[in-house]
Amino acid sequence: MQNAEQYPVSTEVDRVFFFNPFSVEILQKAFARVMESYYKKPLSLDTGFSDVFGRD
């Protein structure tokens, strides 16, 4: 298992799904890595998010 904040995101990624994610701070850092990948090689990008605990 890897740290979501440092997980390398391939430039070929075209969809991501965050299921019951971590704190807002970690989610922001993880999503920033997805966006870095997108800016290196723009693709159509589908994103999804599910928080079964109903946190804000």
PDB file of N, CA and C in Angstrom:
ATOM      1  N   MET A   1       0.849  -1.174   0.000  1.00  0.00           N
ATOM      2  CA  MET A   1       0.000   0.000   0.000  1.00  0.00           C
ATOM      3  C   MET A   1       0.895   1.238   0.000  1.00  0.00           C
ATOM      4  N   GLN A   2       0.471   2.262  -0.754  1.00  0.00           N
ATOM      5  CA  GLN A   2       1.257   3.487  -0.846  1.00  0.00           C
ATOM      6  C   GLN A   2       0.507   4.655  -0.228  1.00  0.00           C
ATOM      7  N   ASN A   3       1.267   5.676   0.074  1.00  0.00           N
ATOM      8  CA  ASN A   3       0.734   6.919   0.605  1.00  0.00           C
ATOM      9  C   ASN A   3       0.013   7.661  -0.528  1.00  0.00           C
ATOM     10  N   ALA A   4      -1.246   7.983  -0.349  1.00  0.00           N
ATOM     11  CA  ALA A   4      -2.039   8.641  -1.404  1.00  0.00           C
ATOM     12  C   ALA A   4      -1.467   9.999  -1.789  1.00  0.00           C
ATOM     13  N   GLU A   5      -0.840  10.666  -0.849  1.00  0.00           N
ATOM     14  CA  GLU A   5      -0.268  11.980  -1.140  1.00  0.00           C
ATOM     15  C   GLU A   5       0.908  11.893  -2.100  1.00  0.00           C
ATOM     16  N   GLN A   6       1.570  10.732  -2.152  1.00  0.00           N
ATOM     17  CA  GLN A   6       2.773  10.586  -2.954  1.00  0.00           C
ATOM     18  C   GLN A   6       2.617   9.562  -4.074  1.00  0.00           C
ATOM     19  N   TYR A   7       1.436   9.040  -4.256  1.00  0.00           N
ATOM     20  CA  TYR A   7       1.202   8.007  -5.266  1.00  0.00           C
ATOM     21  C   TYR A   7       1.461   8.575  -6.659  1.00  0.00           C
ATOM     22  N   PRO A   8       2.331   7.928  -7.451  1.00  0.00           N
ATOM     23  CA  PRO A   8       2.612   8.437  -8.801  1.00  0.00           C
ATOM     24  C   PRO A   8       1.426   8.170  -9.742  1.00  0.00           C
ATOM     25  N   VAL A   9       0.939   9.213 -10.371  1.00  0.00           N
ATOM     26  CA  VAL A   9      -0.205   9.090 -11.278  1.00  0.00           C
ATOM     27  C   VAL A   9       0.305   9.113 -12.711  1.00  0.00           C
ATOM     28  N   SER A  10       0.023   8.063 -13.455  1.00  0.00           N
ATOM     29  CA  SER A  10       0.456   7.952 -14.846  1.00  0.00           C
ATOM     30  C   SER A  10      -0.237   9.010 -15.707  1.00  0.00           C
ATOM     31  N   THR A  11       0.448   9.443 -16.753  1.00  0.00           N
ATOM     32  CA  THR A  11      -0.165  10.397 -17.685  1.00  0.00           C
ATOM     33  C   THR A  11      -1.233   9.728 -18.543  1.00  0.00           C
ATOM     34  N   GLU A  12      -1.356   8.412 -18.444  1.00  0.00           N
ATOM     35  CA  GLU A  12      -2.378   7.680 -19.194  1.00  0.00           C
ATOM     36  C   GLU A  12      -3.690   7.538 -18.423  1.00  0.00           C
ATOM     37  N   VAL A  13      -3.725   7.981 -17.189  1.00  0.00           N
ATOM     38  CA  VAL A  13      -4.928   7.858 -16.362  1.00  0.00           C
ATOM     39  C   VAL A  13      -6.038   8.715 -16.955  1.00  0.00           C
ATOM     40  N   ASP A  14      -7.217   8.115 -17.142  1.00  0.00           N
ATOM     41  CA  ASP A  14      -8.340   8.883 -17.675  1.00  0.00           C
ATOM     42  C   ASP A  14      -9.559   8.829 -16.757  1.00  0.00           C
ATOM     43  N   ARG A  15      -9.428   8.140 -15.615  1.00  0.00           N
ATOM     44  CA  ARG A  15     -10.508   8.158 -14.626  1.00  0.00           C
ATOM     45  C   ARG A  15      -9.944   7.841 -13.251  1.00  0.00           C
ATOM     46  N   VAL A  16     -10.480   8.526 -12.268  1.00  0.00           N
ATOM     47  CA  VAL A  16     -10.096   8.283 -10.874  1.00  0.00           C
ATOM     48  C   VAL A  16     -11.359   8.243 -10.028  1.00  0.00           C
ATOM     49  N   PHE A  17     -11.310   7.442  -8.990  1.00  0.00           N
ATOM     50  CA  PHE A  17     -12.433   7.348  -8.074  1.00  0.00           C
ATOM     51  C   PHE A  17     -11.883   7.304  -6.662  1.00  0.00           C
ATOM     52  N   PHE A  18     -12.326   8.234  -5.855  1.00  0.00           N
ATOM     53  CA  PHE A  18     -11.921   8.276  -4.457  1.00  0.00           C
ATOM     54  C   PHE A  18     -13.082   7.742  -3.636  1.00  0.00           C
ATOM     55  N   PHE A  19     -12.894   6.574  -3.040  1.00  0.00           N
ATOM     56  CA  PHE A  19     -13.937   5.954  -2.237  1.00  0.00           C
ATOM     57  C   PHE A  19     -13.616   6.127  -0.769  1.00  0.00           C
ATOM     58  N   ASN A  20     -14.546   6.769  -0.075  1.00  0.00           N
ATOM     59  CA  ASN A  20     -14.422   6.964   1.363  1.00  0.00           C
ATOM     60  C   ASN A  20     -13.029   7.465   1.725  1.00  0.00           C
ATOM     61  N   PRO A  21     -12.656   8.590   1.143  1.00  0.00           N
ATOM     62  CA  PRO A  21     -11.280   9.034   1.281  1.00  0.00           C
ATOM     63  C   PRO A  21     -10.947   9.544   2.675  1.00  0.00           C
ATOM     64  N   PHE A  22      -9.798  10.049   2.716  1.00  0.00           N
ATOM     65  CA  PHE A  22      -9.071  10.495   3.875  1.00  0.00           C
ATOM     66  C   PHE A  22      -9.503  11.909   4.274  1.00  0.00           C
ATOM     67  N   SER A  23      -8.691  12.563   5.046  1.00  0.00           N
ATOM     68  CA  SER A  23      -8.987  13.941   5.443  1.00  0.00           C
ATOM     69  C   SER A  23      -9.001  14.845   4.205  1.00  0.00           C
ATOM     70  N   VAL A  24      -9.584  16.004   4.346  1.00  0.00           N
ATOM     71  CA  VAL A  24      -9.651  16.957   3.231  1.00  0.00           C
ATOM     72  C   VAL A  24      -8.244  17.329   2.772  1.00  0.00           C
ATOM     73  N   GLU A  25      -7.331  17.504   3.705  1.00  0.00           N
ATOM     74  CA  GLU A  25      -5.956  17.892   3.358  1.00  0.00           C
ATOM     75  C   GLU A  25      -5.286  16.824   2.491  1.00  0.00           C
ATOM     76  N   ILE A  26      -5.449  15.568   2.852  1.00  0.00           N
ATOM     77  CA  ILE A  26      -4.836  14.488   2.070  1.00  0.00           C
ATOM     78  C   ILE A  26      -5.536  14.360   0.718  1.00  0.00           C
ATOM     79  N   LEU A  27      -6.860  14.488   0.696  1.00  0.00           N
ATOM     80  CA  LEU A  27      -7.602  14.432  -0.567  1.00  0.00           C
ATOM     81  C   LEU A  27      -7.126  15.527  -1.517  1.00  0.00           C
ATOM     82  N   GLN A  28      -6.911  16.734  -1.011  1.00  0.00           N
ATOM     83  CA  GLN A  28      -6.438  17.832  -1.859  1.00  0.00           C
ATOM     84  C   GLN A  28      -5.073  17.508  -2.460  1.00  0.00           C
ATOM     85  N   LYS A  29      -4.185  16.936  -1.661  1.00  0.00           N
ATOM     86  CA  LYS A  29      -2.851  16.597  -2.157  1.00  0.00           C
ATOM     87  C   LYS A  29      -2.916  15.468  -3.182  1.00  0.00           C
ATOM     88  N   ALA A  30      -3.744  14.464  -2.918  1.00  0.00           N
ATOM     89  CA  ALA A  30      -3.875  13.350  -3.850  1.00  0.00           C
ATOM     90  C   ALA A  30      -4.472  13.829  -5.175  1.00  0.00           C
ATOM     91  N   PHE A  31      -5.489  14.671  -5.094  1.00  0.00           N
ATOM     92  CA  PHE A  31      -6.115  15.174  -6.322  1.00  0.00           C
ATOM     93  C   PHE A  31      -5.165  16.105  -7.080  1.00  0.00           C
ATOM     94  N   ALA A  32      -4.325  16.825  -6.355  1.00  0.00           N
ATOM     95  CA  ALA A  32      -3.331  17.687  -7.008  1.00  0.00           C
ATOM     96  C   ALA A  32      -2.386  16.846  -7.863  1.00  0.00           C
ATOM     97  N   ARG A  33      -2.048  15.643  -7.407  1.00  0.00           N
ATOM     98  CA  ARG A  33      -1.184  14.754  -8.198  1.00  0.00           C
ATOM     99  C   ARG A  33      -1.903  14.298  -9.471  1.00  0.00           C
ATOM    100  N   VAL A  34      -3.189  14.060  -9.375  1.00  0.00           N
ATOM    101  CA  VAL A  34      -3.970  13.705 -10.565  1.00  0.00           C
ATOM    102  C   VAL A  34      -3.941  14.867 -11.550  1.00  0.00           C
ATOM    103  N   MET A  35      -4.125  16.081 -11.056  1.00  0.00           N
ATOM    104  CA  MET A  35      -4.130  17.246 -11.938  1.00  0.00           C
ATOM    105  C   MET A  35      -2.751  17.505 -12.544  1.00  0.00           C
ATOM    106  N   GLU A  36      -1.683  17.244 -11.807  1.00  0.00           N
ATOM    107  CA  GLU A  36      -0.330  17.370 -12.369  1.00  0.00           C
ATOM    108  C   GLU A  36      -0.182  16.456 -13.580  1.00  0.00           C
ATOM    109  N   SER A  37      -0.663  15.235 -13.444  1.00  0.00           N
ATOM    110  CA  SER A  37      -0.618  14.279 -14.549  1.00  0.00           C
ATOM    111  C   SER A  37      -1.435  14.791 -15.730  1.00  0.00           C
ATOM    112  N   TYR A  38      -2.613  15.318 -15.437  1.00  0.00           N
ATOM    113  CA  TYR A  38      -3.492  15.841 -16.490  1.00  0.00           C
ATOM    114  C   TYR A  38      -2.801  16.973 -17.261  1.00  0.00           C
ATOM    115  N   TYR A  39      -2.159  17.891 -16.542  1.00  0.00           N
ATOM    116  CA  TYR A  39      -1.523  19.024 -17.214  1.00  0.00           C
ATOM    117  C   TYR A  39      -0.320  18.598 -18.059  1.00  0.00           C
ATOM    118  N   LYS A  40       0.312  17.487 -17.689  1.00  0.00           N
ATOM    119  CA  LYS A  40       1.423  16.977 -18.496  1.00  0.00           C
ATOM    120  C   LYS A  40       0.923  16.396 -19.813  1.00  0.00           C
ATOM    121  N   LYS A  41      -0.245  15.748 -19.755  1.00  0.00           N
ATOM    122  CA  LYS A  41      -0.819  15.142 -20.963  1.00  0.00           C
ATOM    123  C   LYS A  41      -2.348  15.192 -20.834  1.00  0.00           C
ATOM    124  N   PRO A  42      -2.959  16.289 -21.278  1.00  0.00           N
ATOM    125  CA  PRO A  42      -4.415  16.431 -21.136  1.00  0.00           C
ATOM    126  C   PRO A  42      -5.188  15.319 -21.848  1.00  0.00           C
ATOM    127  N   LEU A  43      -6.057  14.682 -21.111  1.00  0.00           N
ATOM    128  CA  LEU A  43      -6.973  13.663 -21.612  1.00  0.00           C
ATOM    129  C   LEU A  43      -8.347  13.975 -21.044  1.00  0.00           C
ATOM    130  N   SER A  44      -9.357  13.374 -21.601  1.00  0.00           N
ATOM    131  CA  SER A  44     -10.664  13.447 -20.970  1.00  0.00           C
ATOM    132  C   SER A  44     -10.532  12.735 -19.624  1.00  0.00           C
ATOM    133  N   LEU A  45     -10.937  13.377 -18.558  1.00  0.00           N
ATOM    134  CA  LEU A  45     -10.725  12.838 -17.216  1.00  0.00           C
ATOM    135  C   LEU A  45     -12.048  12.745 -16.473  1.00  0.00           C
ATOM    136  N   ASP A  46     -12.434  11.525 -16.121  1.00  0.00           N
ATOM    137  CA  ASP A  46     -13.635  11.295 -15.319  1.00  0.00           C
ATOM    138  C   ASP A  46     -13.216  11.137 -13.865  1.00  0.00           C
ATOM    139  N   THR A  47     -13.928  11.806 -12.976  1.00  0.00           N
ATOM    140  CA  THR A  47     -13.626  11.686 -11.553  1.00  0.00           C
ATOM    141  C   THR A  47     -14.876  11.280 -10.787  1.00  0.00           C
ATOM    142  N   GLY A  48     -14.660  10.560  -9.711  1.00  0.00           N
ATOM    143  CA  GLY A  48     -15.766  10.157  -8.857  1.00  0.00           C
ATOM    144  C   GLY A  48     -15.341  10.230  -7.395  1.00  0.00           C
ATOM    145  N   PHE A  49     -16.307  10.383  -6.535  1.00  0.00           N
ATOM    146  CA  PHE A  49     -16.034  10.533  -5.112  1.00  0.00           C
ATOM    147  C   PHE A  49     -17.202   9.962  -4.340  1.00  0.00           C
ATOM    148  N   SER A  50     -16.909   9.152  -3.351  1.00  0.00           N
ATOM    149  CA  SER A  50     -17.940   8.608  -2.494  1.00  0.00           C
ATOM    150  C   SER A  50     -17.480   8.683  -1.054  1.00  0.00           C
ATOM    151  N   ASP A  51     -18.301   9.235  -0.213  1.00  0.00           N
ATOM    152  CA  ASP A  51     -17.975   9.346   1.210  1.00  0.00           C
ATOM    153  C   ASP A  51     -19.123   8.757   2.004  1.00  0.00           C
ATOM    154  N   VAL A  52     -19.040   7.485   2.299  1.00  0.00           N
ATOM    155  CA  VAL A  52     -20.153   6.803   2.969  1.00  0.00           C
ATOM    156  C   VAL A  52     -20.344   7.258   4.410  1.00  0.00           C
ATOM    157  N   PHE A  53     -19.355   7.959   4.954  1.00  0.00           N
ATOM    158  CA  PHE A  53     -19.487   8.447   6.328  1.00  0.00           C
ATOM    159  C   PHE A  53     -20.173   9.806   6.383  1.00  0.00           C
ATOM    160  N   GLY A  54     -20.375  10.448   5.243  1.00  0.00           N
ATOM    161  CA  GLY A  54     -21.081  11.722   5.182  1.00  0.00           C
ATOM    162  C   GLY A  54     -20.358  12.876   5.818  1.00  0.00           C
ATOM    163  N   ARG A  55     -19.047  12.859   5.724  1.00  0.00           N
ATOM    164  CA  ARG A  55     -18.274  13.976   6.280  1.00  0.00           C
ATOM    165  C   ARG A  55     -18.374  15.169   5.349  1.00  0.00           C
ATOM    166  N   ASP A  56     -18.168  16.377   5.881  1.00  0.00           N
ATOM    167  CA  ASP A  56     -18.142  17.606   5.078  1.00  0.00           C
ATOM    168  C   ASP A  56     -16.761  17.826   4.522  1.00  0.00           C
TER     169      ASP A  56
END
